[in-house]
Amino acid sequence: MNSQQVIVHVRFAPNGRVIQISERPAKLTPTQWFDVLSTRAGSTYRPLARGRGAFRLARAAVEAFKQETARPG
């Protein structure tokens, strides 16, 4: 069984602030989405060179995280 994989790319400013992240729900800031992914799937994160990083996740997991953040709270 092969689930579709998604790579969520992250770019950081020199001060460590998240300036860009893919798959981000519109209502969340880049930092908020990074925090959600770090909390829920931190073990899938890999730092890359030049202020970048990536989460490698199943598409279903990304969609589930998006659904959770869409719930009124």
PDB file of N, CA and C in Angstrom:
ATOM      1  N   MET A   1       0.851  -1.178   0.000  1.00  0.00           N
ATOM      2  CA  MET A   1       0.000   0.000   0.000  1.00  0.00           C
ATOM      3  C   MET A   1       0.894   1.237   0.000  1.00  0.00           C
ATOM      4  N   ASN A   2       0.741   2.089  -0.988  1.00  0.00           N
ATOM      5  CA  ASN A   2       1.602   3.245  -1.149  1.00  0.00           C
ATOM      6  C   ASN A   2       0.774   4.513  -1.004  1.00  0.00           C
ATOM      7  N   SER A   3       0.927   5.209   0.121  1.00  0.00           N
ATOM      8  CA  SER A   3       0.181   6.449   0.307  1.00  0.00           C
ATOM      9  C   SER A   3       0.958   7.589  -0.331  1.00  0.00           C
ATOM     10  N   GLN A   4       0.240   8.559  -0.821  1.00  0.00           N
ATOM     11  CA  GLN A   4       0.865   9.700  -1.467  1.00  0.00           C
ATOM     12  C   GLN A   4       1.634  10.529  -0.436  1.00  0.00           C
ATOM     13  N   GLN A   5       2.874  10.818  -0.736  1.00  0.00           N
ATOM     14  CA  GLN A   5       3.722  11.602   0.155  1.00  0.00           C
ATOM     15  C   GLN A   5       3.723  13.068  -0.271  1.00  0.00           C
ATOM     16  N   VAL A   6       3.820  13.948   0.722  1.00  0.00           N
ATOM     17  CA  VAL A   6       3.882  15.385   0.501  1.00  0.00           C
ATOM     18  C   VAL A   6       5.130  15.900   1.192  1.00  0.00           C
ATOM     19  N   ILE A   7       5.855  16.781   0.518  1.00  0.00           N
ATOM     20  CA  ILE A   7       6.987  17.441   1.148  1.00  0.00           C
ATOM     21  C   ILE A   7       6.574  18.883   1.398  1.00  0.00           C
ATOM     22  N   VAL A   8       6.523  19.258   2.671  1.00  0.00           N
ATOM     23  CA  VAL A   8       6.174  20.617   3.075  1.00  0.00           C
ATOM     24  C   VAL A   8       7.492  21.365   3.268  1.00  0.00           C
ATOM     25  N   HIS A   9       7.742  22.330   2.372  1.00  0.00           N
ATOM     26  CA  HIS A   9       8.982  23.100   2.400  1.00  0.00           C
ATOM     27  C   HIS A   9       8.834  24.305   3.320  1.00  0.00           C
ATOM     28  N   VAL A  10       9.895  24.588   4.076  1.00  0.00           N
ATOM     29  CA  VAL A  10       9.920  25.715   5.016  1.00  0.00           C
ATOM     30  C   VAL A  10      11.136  26.577   4.692  1.00  0.00           C
ATOM     31  N   ARG A  11      10.928  27.907   4.710  1.00  0.00           N
ATOM     32  CA  ARG A  11      12.044  28.851   4.572  1.00  0.00           C
ATOM     33  C   ARG A  11      12.070  29.742   5.797  1.00  0.00           C
ATOM     34  N   PHE A  12      13.281  29.973   6.308  1.00  0.00           N
ATOM     35  CA  PHE A  12      13.468  30.781   7.502  1.00  0.00           C
ATOM     36  C   PHE A  12      14.229  32.065   7.178  1.00  0.00           C
ATOM     37  N   ALA A  13      13.915  33.126   7.914  1.00  0.00           N
ATOM     38  CA  ALA A  13      14.688  34.364   7.856  1.00  0.00           C
ATOM     39  C   ALA A  13      15.978  34.137   8.650  1.00  0.00           C
ATOM     40  N   PRO A  14      16.990  34.994   8.470  1.00  0.00           N
ATOM     41  CA  PRO A  14      18.227  34.841   9.234  1.00  0.00           C
ATOM     42  C   PRO A  14      18.013  34.840  10.755  1.00  0.00           C
ATOM     43  N   ASN A  15      16.941  35.486  11.227  1.00  0.00           N
ATOM     44  CA  ASN A  15      16.672  35.514  12.668  1.00  0.00           C
ATOM     45  C   ASN A  15      15.895  34.288  13.146  1.00  0.00           C
ATOM     46  N   GLY A  16      15.612  33.339  12.258  1.00  0.00           N
ATOM     47  CA  GLY A  16      14.920  32.109  12.625  1.00  0.00           C
ATOM     48  C   GLY A  16      13.418  32.136  12.435  1.00  0.00           C
ATOM     49  N   ARG A  17      12.858  33.285  12.057  1.00  0.00           N
ATOM     50  CA  ARG A  17      11.413  33.399  11.827  1.00  0.00           C
ATOM     51  C   ARG A  17      11.032  32.644  10.553  1.00  0.00           C
ATOM     52  N   VAL A  18       9.909  31.959  10.596  1.00  0.00           N
ATOM     53  CA  VAL A  18       9.409  31.253   9.413  1.00  0.00           C
ATOM     54  C   VAL A  18       8.828  32.296   8.453  1.00  0.00           C
ATOM     55  N   ILE A  19       9.354  32.353   7.241  1.00  0.00           N
ATOM     56  CA  ILE A  19       8.858  33.342   6.285  1.00  0.00           C
ATOM     57  C   ILE A  19       8.016  32.717   5.179  1.00  0.00           C
ATOM     58  N   GLN A  20       8.172  31.415   4.981  1.00  0.00           N
ATOM     59  CA  GLN A  20       7.377  30.752   3.947  1.00  0.00           C
ATOM     60  C   GLN A  20       7.281  29.271   4.283  1.00  0.00           C
ATOM     61  N   ILE A  21       6.076  28.708   4.084  1.00  0.00           N
ATOM     62  CA  ILE A  21       5.874  27.273   4.316  1.00  0.00           C
ATOM     63  C   ILE A  21       4.747  26.810   3.399  1.00  0.00           C
ATOM     64  N   SER A  22       4.947  25.694   2.747  1.00  0.00           N
ATOM     65  CA  SER A  22       3.944  25.204   1.796  1.00  0.00           C
ATOM     66  C   SER A  22       2.793  24.492   2.498  1.00  0.00           C
ATOM     67  N   GLU A  23       1.708  24.308   1.772  1.00  0.00           N
ATOM     68  CA  GLU A  23       0.501  23.618   2.261  1.00  0.00           C
ATOM     69  C   GLU A  23      -0.198  24.359   3.398  1.00  0.00           C
ATOM     70  N   ARG A  24       0.127  25.626   3.618  1.00  0.00           N
ATOM     71  CA  ARG A  24      -0.383  26.378   4.769  1.00  0.00           C
ATOM     72  C   ARG A  24      -1.846  26.761   4.583  1.00  0.00           C
ATOM     73  N   PRO A  25      -2.684  26.465   5.597  1.00  0.00           N
ATOM     74  CA  PRO A  25      -4.067  26.939   5.568  1.00  0.00           C
ATOM     75  C   PRO A  25      -4.076  28.478   5.625  1.00  0.00           C
ATOM     76  N   ALA A  26      -5.001  29.096   4.925  1.00  0.00           N
ATOM     77  CA  ALA A  26      -5.045  30.561   4.808  1.00  0.00           C
ATOM     78  C   ALA A  26      -5.175  31.272   6.152  1.00  0.00           C
ATOM     79  N   LYS A  27      -5.853  30.643   7.106  1.00  0.00           N
ATOM     80  CA  LYS A  27      -6.092  31.346   8.375  1.00  0.00           C
ATOM     81  C   LYS A  27      -4.899  31.311   9.328  1.00  0.00           C
ATOM     82  N   LEU A  28      -3.864  30.545   9.002  1.00  0.00           N
ATOM     83  CA  LEU A  28      -2.693  30.445   9.862  1.00  0.00           C
ATOM     84  C   LEU A  28      -1.521  31.233   9.290  1.00  0.00           C
ATOM     85  N   THR A  29      -0.720  31.803  10.192  1.00  0.00           N
ATOM     86  CA  THR A  29       0.524  32.443   9.765  1.00  0.00           C
ATOM     87  C   THR A  29       1.537  31.341   9.462  1.00  0.00           C
ATOM     88  N   PRO A  30       2.612  31.676   8.755  1.00  0.00           N
ATOM     89  CA  PRO A  30       3.640  30.649   8.523  1.00  0.00           C
ATOM     90  C   PRO A  30       4.165  30.038   9.825  1.00  0.00           C
ATOM     91  N   THR A  31       4.372  30.853  10.842  1.00  0.00           N
ATOM     92  CA  THR A  31       4.872  30.342  12.124  1.00  0.00           C
ATOM     93  C   THR A  31       3.855  29.426  12.791  1.00  0.00           C
ATOM     94  N   GLN A  32       2.575  29.783  12.745  1.00  0.00           N
ATOM     95  CA  GLN A  32       1.539  28.935  13.348  1.00  0.00           C
ATOM     96  C   GLN A  32       1.486  27.565  12.669  1.00  0.00           C
ATOM     97  N   TRP A  33       1.562  27.531  11.336  1.00  0.00           N
ATOM     98  CA  TRP A  33       1.515  26.261  10.606  1.00  0.00           C
ATOM     99  C   TRP A  33       2.757  25.429  10.921  1.00  0.00           C
ATOM    100  N   PHE A  34       3.919  26.069  10.996  1.00  0.00           N
ATOM    101  CA  PHE A  34       5.143  25.368  11.372  1.00  0.00           C
ATOM    102  C   PHE A  34       4.997  24.763  12.764  1.00  0.00           C
ATOM    103  N   ASP A  35       4.404  25.518  13.690  1.00  0.00           N
ATOM    104  CA  ASP A  35       4.205  25.019  15.056  1.00  0.00           C
ATOM    105  C   ASP A  35       3.274  23.804  15.085  1.00  0.00           C
ATOM    106  N   VAL A  36       2.204  23.841  14.282  1.00  0.00           N
ATOM    107  CA  VAL A  36       1.289  22.697  14.202  1.00  0.00           C
ATOM    108  C   VAL A  36       2.043  21.459  13.711  1.00  0.00           C
ATOM    109  N   LEU A  37       2.772  21.631  12.618  1.00  0.00           N
ATOM    110  CA  LEU A  37       3.499  20.488  12.058  1.00  0.00           C
ATOM    111  C   LEU A  37       4.599  20.004  13.000  1.00  0.00           C
ATOM    112  N   SER A  38       5.287  20.925  13.647  1.00  0.00           N
ATOM    113  CA  SER A  38       6.350  20.538  14.584  1.00  0.00           C
ATOM    114  C   SER A  38       5.790  19.750  15.757  1.00  0.00           C
ATOM    115  N   THR A  39       4.639  20.180  16.259  1.00  0.00           N
ATOM    116  CA  THR A  39       4.017  19.509  17.394  1.00  0.00           C
ATOM    117  C   THR A  39       3.487  18.139  17.011  1.00  0.00           C
ATOM    118  N   ARG A  40       2.819  18.064  15.871  1.00  0.00           N
ATOM    119  CA  ARG A  40       2.142  16.828  15.479  1.00  0.00           C
ATOM    120  C   ARG A  40       3.029  15.851  14.704  1.00  0.00           C
ATOM    121  N   ALA A  41       4.042  16.365  14.011  1.00  0.00           N
ATOM    122  CA  ALA A  41       4.852  15.496  13.148  1.00  0.00           C
ATOM    123  C   ALA A  41       6.318  15.913  13.148  1.00  0.00           C
ATOM    124  N   GLY A  42       6.797  16.358  14.280  1.00  0.00           N
ATOM    125  CA  GLY A  42       8.163  16.857  14.372  1.00  0.00           C
ATOM    126  C   GLY A  42       9.230  15.866  13.955  1.00  0.00           C
ATOM    127  N   SER A  43       8.957  14.585  14.135  1.00  0.00           N
ATOM    128  CA  SER A  43       9.950  13.567  13.780  1.00  0.00           C
ATOM    129  C   SER A  43      10.162  13.456  12.269  1.00  0.00           C
ATOM    130  N   THR A  44       9.264  14.033  11.482  1.00  0.00           N
ATOM    131  CA  THR A  44       9.402  13.973  10.022  1.00  0.00           C
ATOM    132  C   THR A  44      10.147  15.175   9.457  1.00  0.00           C
ATOM    133  N   TYR A  45      10.534  16.118  10.325  1.00  0.00           N
ATOM    134  CA  TYR A  45      11.211  17.338   9.876  1.00  0.00           C
ATOM    135  C   TYR A  45      12.696  17.080   9.662  1.00  0.00           C
ATOM    136  N   ARG A  46      13.223  17.629   8.569  1.00  0.00           N
ATOM    137  CA  ARG A  46      14.653  17.557   8.290  1.00  0.00           C
ATOM    138  C   ARG A  46      15.155  18.954   7.936  1.00  0.00           C
ATOM    139  N   PRO A  47      16.154  19.451   8.660  1.00  0.00           N
ATOM    140  CA  PRO A  47      16.738  20.747   8.295  1.00  0.00           C
ATOM    141  C   PRO A  47      17.543  20.611   7.004  1.00  0.00           C
ATOM    142  N   LEU A  48      17.530  21.656   6.217  1.00  0.00           N
ATOM    143  CA  LEU A  48      18.290  21.708   4.973  1.00  0.00           C
ATOM    144  C   LEU A  48      19.209  22.928   5.014  1.00  0.00           C
ATOM    145  N   ALA A  49      20.076  23.052   4.049  1.00  0.00           N
ATOM    146  CA  ALA A  49      21.007  24.177   3.987  1.00  0.00           C
ATOM    147  C   ALA A  49      20.284  25.481   3.629  1.00  0.00           C
ATOM    148  N   ARG A  50      20.945  26.586   3.924  1.00  0.00           N
ATOM    149  CA  ARG A  50      20.500  27.924   3.529  1.00  0.00           C
ATOM    150  C   ARG A  50      19.151  28.330   4.111  1.00  0.00           C
ATOM    151  N   GLY A  51      18.924  28.015   5.395  1.00  0.00           N
ATOM    152  CA  GLY A  51      17.716  28.469   6.059  1.00  0.00           C
ATOM    153  C   GLY A  51      16.447  27.803   5.580  1.00  0.00           C
ATOM    154  N   ARG A  52      16.552  26.536   5.230  1.00  0.00           N
ATOM    155  CA  ARG A  52      15.391  25.803   4.744  1.00  0.00           C
ATOM    156  C   ARG A  52      15.219  24.515   5.536  1.00  0.00           C
ATOM    157  N   GLY A  53      14.054  23.922   5.421  1.00  0.00           N
ATOM    158  CA  GLY A  53      13.770  22.636   6.027  1.00  0.00           C
ATOM    159  C   GLY A  53      12.588  22.005   5.329  1.00  0.00           C
ATOM    160  N   ALA A  54      12.290  20.765   5.680  1.00  0.00           N
ATOM    161  CA  ALA A  54      11.181  20.071   5.032  1.00  0.00           C
ATOM    162  C   ALA A  54      10.583  19.021   5.964  1.00  0.00           C
ATOM    163  N   PHE A  55       9.265  18.935   5.913  1.00  0.00           N
ATOM    164  CA  PHE A  55       8.530  17.845   6.547  1.00  0.00           C
ATOM    165  C   PHE A  55       8.133  16.895   5.431  1.00  0.00           C
ATOM    166  N   ARG A  56       8.310  15.593   5.613  1.00  0.00           N
ATOM    167  CA  ARG A  56       7.859  14.585   4.642  1.00  0.00           C
ATOM    168  C   ARG A  56       6.709  13.840   5.303  1.00  0.00           C
ATOM    169  N   LEU A  57       5.495  14.037   4.769  1.00  0.00           N
ATOM    170  CA  LEU A  57       4.285  13.498   5.390  1.00  0.00           C
ATOM    171  C   LEU A  57       3.392  12.824   4.360  1.00  0.00           C
ATOM    172  N   ALA A  58       2.521  11.956   4.841  1.00  0.00           N
ATOM    173  CA  ALA A  58       1.480  11.392   3.983  1.00  0.00           C
ATOM    174  C   ALA A  58       0.450  12.486   3.708  1.00  0.00           C
ATOM    175  N   ARG A  59      -0.093  12.507   2.510  1.00  0.00           N
ATOM    176  CA  ARG A  59      -1.116  13.499   2.139  1.00  0.00           C
ATOM    177  C   ARG A  59      -2.267  13.477   3.145  1.00  0.00           C
ATOM    178  N   ALA A  60      -2.672  12.290   3.588  1.00  0.00           N
ATOM    179  CA  ALA A  60      -3.783  12.171   4.540  1.00  0.00           C
ATOM    180  C   ALA A  60      -3.465  12.888   5.853  1.00  0.00           C
ATOM    181  N   ALA A  61      -2.214  12.814   6.300  1.00  0.00           N
ATOM    182  CA  ALA A  61      -1.831  13.489   7.539  1.00  0.00           C
ATOM    183  C   ALA A  61      -1.912  15.001   7.379  1.00  0.00           C
ATOM    184  N   VAL A  62      -1.417  15.523   6.268  1.00  0.00           N
ATOM    185  CA  VAL A  62      -1.477  16.971   6.013  1.00  0.00           C
ATOM    186  C   VAL A  62      -2.930  17.434   6.003  1.00  0.00           C
ATOM    187  N   GLU A  63      -3.789  16.696   5.315  1.00  0.00           N
ATOM    188  CA  GLU A  63      -5.203  17.072   5.245  1.00  0.00           C
ATOM    189  C   GLU A  63      -5.854  17.005   6.632  1.00  0.00           C
ATOM    190  N   ALA A  64      -5.479  16.014   7.434  1.00  0.00           N
ATOM    191  CA  ALA A  64      -6.025  15.908   8.797  1.00  0.00           C
ATOM    192  C   ALA A  64      -5.601  17.100   9.646  1.00  0.00           C
ATOM    193  N   PHE A  65      -4.341  17.518   9.544  1.00  0.00           N
ATOM    194  CA  PHE A  65      -3.862  18.676  10.299  1.00  0.00           C
ATOM    195  C   PHE A  65      -4.592  19.940   9.858  1.00  0.00           C
ATOM    196  N   LYS A  66      -4.848  20.063   8.568  1.00  0.00           N
ATOM    197  CA  LYS A  66      -5.587  21.224   8.057  1.00  0.00           C
ATOM    198  C   LYS A  66      -7.004  21.235   8.609  1.00  0.00           C
ATOM    199  N   GLN A  67      -7.655  20.064   8.655  1.00  0.00           N
ATOM    200  CA  GLN A  67      -9.015  19.964   9.195  1.00  0.00           C
ATOM    201  C   GLN A  67      -9.040  20.356  10.660  1.00  0.00           C
ATOM    202  N   GLU A  68      -8.060  19.897  11.417  1.00  0.00           N
ATOM    203  CA  GLU A  68      -8.000  20.218  12.851  1.00  0.00           C
ATOM    204  C   GLU A  68      -7.859  21.711  13.078  1.00  0.00           C
ATOM    205  N   THR A  69      -7.067  22.389  12.258  1.00  0.00           N
ATOM    206  CA  THR A  69      -6.870  23.832  12.442  1.00  0.00           C
ATOM    207  C   THR A  69      -8.070  24.630  11.954  1.00  0.00           C
ATOM    208  N   ALA A  70      -8.922  24.022  11.131  1.00  0.00           N
ATOM    209  CA  ALA A  70     -10.096  24.720  10.604  1.00  0.00           C
ATOM    210  C   ALA A  70     -11.251  24.719  11.601  1.00  0.00           C
ATOM    211  N   ARG A  71     -11.180  23.834  12.585  1.00  0.00           N
ATOM    212  CA  ARG A  71     -12.279  23.747  13.570  1.00  0.00           C
ATOM    213  C   ARG A  71     -12.335  25.011  14.412  1.00  0.00           C
ATOM    214  N   PRO A  72     -13.530  25.518  14.669  1.00  0.00           N
ATOM    215  CA  PRO A  72     -13.627  26.673  15.560  1.00  0.00           C
ATOM    216  C   PRO A  72     -13.206  26.280  16.967  1.00  0.00           C
ATOM    217  N   GLY A  73     -12.481  27.147  17.607  1.00  0.00           N
ATOM    218  CA  GLY A  73     -11.992  26.783  18.908  1.00  0.00           C
ATOM    219  C   GLY A  73     -12.073  27.897  19.832  1.00  0.00           C
TER     220      GLY A  73
END
